[in-house]
């Protein structure tokens, strides 16, 4: 799992039929202190997250299949949790 920030939603007039019923979000990895890092990528949303939410993303097709119950979604990243609070003791 990686910690990410939701940058926004992706809307399309046409999409693969296997994506129907799922929100697709643009996310970017962050450090535990909230600094953006890496490049943005797309993730299926299983949590009803929104813009600026801090989320936990799993980048594994097998986990996506288990969470969605579908082996037909052509994606490998899924938002599996919304972070309410992060406690750092360093």
C-alpha atoms as a PDB file:
ATOM      1  CA  UNK A   1       0.000   0.000   0.000  1.00  0.00           C
ATOM      2  CA  UNK A   2       1.132   3.504  -0.714  1.00  0.00           C
ATOM      3  CA  UNK A   3      -0.006   6.823   0.693  1.00  0.00           C
ATOM      4  CA  UNK A   4      -1.470   9.130  -1.980  1.00  0.00           C
ATOM      5  CA  UNK A   5      -3.312  12.421  -2.432  1.00  0.00           C
ATOM      6  CA  UNK A   6      -6.390  12.514  -4.685  1.00  0.00           C
ATOM      7  CA  UNK A   7      -5.852  15.189  -7.334  1.00  0.00           C
ATOM      8  CA  UNK A   8      -9.249  14.845  -8.983  1.00  0.00           C
ATOM      9  CA  UNK A   9     -11.752  12.682 -10.858  1.00  0.00           C
ATOM     10  CA  UNK A  10     -11.496  11.439 -14.406  1.00  0.00           C
ATOM     11  CA  UNK A  11     -14.578  11.813 -16.598  1.00  0.00           C
ATOM     12  CA  UNK A  12     -15.069  10.312 -20.037  1.00  0.00           C
ATOM     13  CA  UNK A  13     -17.856  10.108 -22.573  1.00  0.00           C
ATOM     14  CA  UNK A  14     -16.745   6.648 -23.676  1.00  0.00           C
ATOM     15  CA  UNK A  15     -14.957   4.066 -21.604  1.00  0.00           C
ATOM     16  CA  UNK A  16     -14.294   0.363 -21.424  1.00  0.00           C
ATOM     17  CA  UNK A  17     -17.530  -1.339 -20.348  1.00  0.00           C
ATOM     18  CA  UNK A  18     -15.686  -3.038 -17.464  1.00  0.00           C
ATOM     19  CA  UNK A  19     -15.123   0.394 -15.863  1.00  0.00           C
ATOM     20  CA  UNK A  20     -18.877   1.102 -15.690  1.00  0.00           C
ATOM     21  CA  UNK A  21     -20.003   1.701 -12.117  1.00  0.00           C
ATOM     22  CA  UNK A  22     -16.539   2.687 -10.888  1.00  0.00           C
ATOM     23  CA  UNK A  23     -15.049   6.136 -10.300  1.00  0.00           C
ATOM     24  CA  UNK A  24     -11.596   6.658 -11.717  1.00  0.00           C
ATOM     25  CA  UNK A  25      -9.428   9.057  -9.739  1.00  0.00           C
ATOM     26  CA  UNK A  26      -6.147  10.802 -10.489  1.00  0.00           C
ATOM     27  CA  UNK A  27      -3.802  10.259  -7.537  1.00  0.00           C
ATOM     28  CA  UNK A  28      -0.183  11.024  -6.685  1.00  0.00           C
ATOM     29  CA  UNK A  29       2.051   9.410  -4.094  1.00  0.00           C
ATOM     30  CA  UNK A  30       2.961  11.505  -1.043  1.00  0.00           C
ATOM     31  CA  UNK A  31       5.457  11.220   1.774  1.00  0.00           C
ATOM     32  CA  UNK A  32       4.178  10.678   5.346  1.00  0.00           C
ATOM     33  CA  UNK A  33       4.649  14.447   5.803  1.00  0.00           C
ATOM     34  CA  UNK A  34       2.371  15.227   2.837  1.00  0.00           C
ATOM     35  CA  UNK A  35       4.957  16.190   0.177  1.00  0.00           C
ATOM     36  CA  UNK A  36       4.029  15.109  -3.343  1.00  0.00           C
ATOM     37  CA  UNK A  37       6.409  12.703  -5.057  1.00  0.00           C
ATOM     38  CA  UNK A  38       6.460  10.720  -8.263  1.00  0.00           C
ATOM     39  CA  UNK A  39       4.086  11.089 -11.181  1.00  0.00           C
ATOM     40  CA  UNK A  40       0.280  11.091 -11.025  1.00  0.00           C
ATOM     41  CA  UNK A  41      -1.512   7.875 -11.971  1.00  0.00           C
ATOM     42  CA  UNK A  42      -5.060   6.557 -12.232  1.00  0.00           C
ATOM     43  CA  UNK A  43      -6.780   4.385  -9.633  1.00  0.00           C
ATOM     44  CA  UNK A  44     -10.214   2.819  -9.334  1.00  0.00           C
ATOM     45  CA  UNK A  45     -12.031   4.230  -6.286  1.00  0.00           C
ATOM     46  CA  UNK A  46     -13.545   1.670  -3.911  1.00  0.00           C
ATOM     47  CA  UNK A  47     -14.065   4.178  -1.069  1.00  0.00           C
ATOM     48  CA  UNK A  48     -15.970   7.181  -2.450  1.00  0.00           C
ATOM     49  CA  UNK A  49     -12.947   9.423  -1.908  1.00  0.00           C
ATOM     50  CA  UNK A  50     -12.787  12.994  -3.172  1.00  0.00           C
ATOM     51  CA  UNK A  51     -10.347  15.679  -4.246  1.00  0.00           C
ATOM     52  CA  UNK A  52      -7.616  16.444  -1.676  1.00  0.00           C
ATOM     53  CA  UNK A  53      -8.333  13.283   0.346  1.00  0.00           C
ATOM     54  CA  UNK A  54      -5.340  11.319   1.588  1.00  0.00           C
ATOM     55  CA  UNK A  55      -5.855   7.694   0.577  1.00  0.00           C
ATOM     56  CA  UNK A  56      -4.261   4.268   0.707  1.00  0.00           C
ATOM     57  CA  UNK A  57      -3.681   2.824  -2.759  1.00  0.00           C
ATOM     58  CA  UNK A  58      -2.865  -0.773  -3.599  1.00  0.00           C
ATOM     59  CA  UNK A  59      -0.989  -1.187  -6.876  1.00  0.00           C
ATOM     60  CA  UNK A  60      -1.676  -4.848  -7.507  1.00  0.00           C
ATOM     61  CA  UNK A  61      -4.121  -6.315 -10.016  1.00  0.00           C
ATOM     62  CA  UNK A  62      -4.896  -9.292  -7.771  1.00  0.00           C
ATOM     63  CA  UNK A  63      -5.988  -7.054  -4.906  1.00  0.00           C
ATOM     64  CA  UNK A  64      -8.129  -5.008  -7.288  1.00  0.00           C
ATOM     65  CA  UNK A  65      -9.845  -8.198  -8.439  1.00  0.00           C
ATOM     66  CA  UNK A  66     -10.547  -9.287  -4.861  1.00  0.00           C
ATOM     67  CA  UNK A  67     -11.911  -5.887  -3.787  1.00  0.00           C
ATOM     68  CA  UNK A  68     -14.111  -5.359  -6.871  1.00  0.00           C
ATOM     69  CA  UNK A  69     -15.016  -9.006  -7.411  1.00  0.00           C
ATOM     70  CA  UNK A  70     -14.157  -8.640 -11.110  1.00  0.00           C
ATOM     71  CA  UNK A  71     -11.318 -10.065 -13.171  1.00  0.00           C
ATOM     72  CA  UNK A  72     -12.267  -7.942 -16.177  1.00  0.00           C
ATOM     73  CA  UNK A  73     -11.209  -4.455 -15.038  1.00  0.00           C
ATOM     74  CA  UNK A  74      -8.104  -3.465 -17.038  1.00  0.00           C
ATOM     75  CA  UNK A  75      -6.365  -1.592 -14.190  1.00  0.00           C
ATOM     76  CA  UNK A  76      -3.934  -2.441 -11.394  1.00  0.00           C
ATOM     77  CA  UNK A  77      -4.383   0.386  -8.846  1.00  0.00           C
ATOM     78  CA  UNK A  78      -7.273   0.710  -6.414  1.00  0.00           C
ATOM     79  CA  UNK A  79      -8.045   3.152  -3.629  1.00  0.00           C
ATOM     80  CA  UNK A  80      -8.668   0.855  -0.668  1.00  0.00           C
ATOM     81  CA  UNK A  81      -8.971   3.346   2.185  1.00  0.00           C
ATOM     82  CA  UNK A  82      -9.327   7.006   3.118  1.00  0.00           C
ATOM     83  CA  UNK A  83      -6.902   8.230   5.788  1.00  0.00           C
ATOM     84  CA  UNK A  84      -8.628  10.230   8.532  1.00  0.00           C
ATOM     85  CA  UNK A  85      -5.523  10.890  10.598  1.00  0.00           C
ATOM     86  CA  UNK A  86      -1.853  10.010  10.435  1.00  0.00           C
ATOM     87  CA  UNK A  87       0.235   9.900  13.622  1.00  0.00           C
ATOM     88  CA  UNK A  88       3.985  10.090  13.136  1.00  0.00           C
ATOM     89  CA  UNK A  89       6.330   9.261  15.993  1.00  0.00           C
ATOM     90  CA  UNK A  90       9.793   9.738  14.568  1.00  0.00           C
END
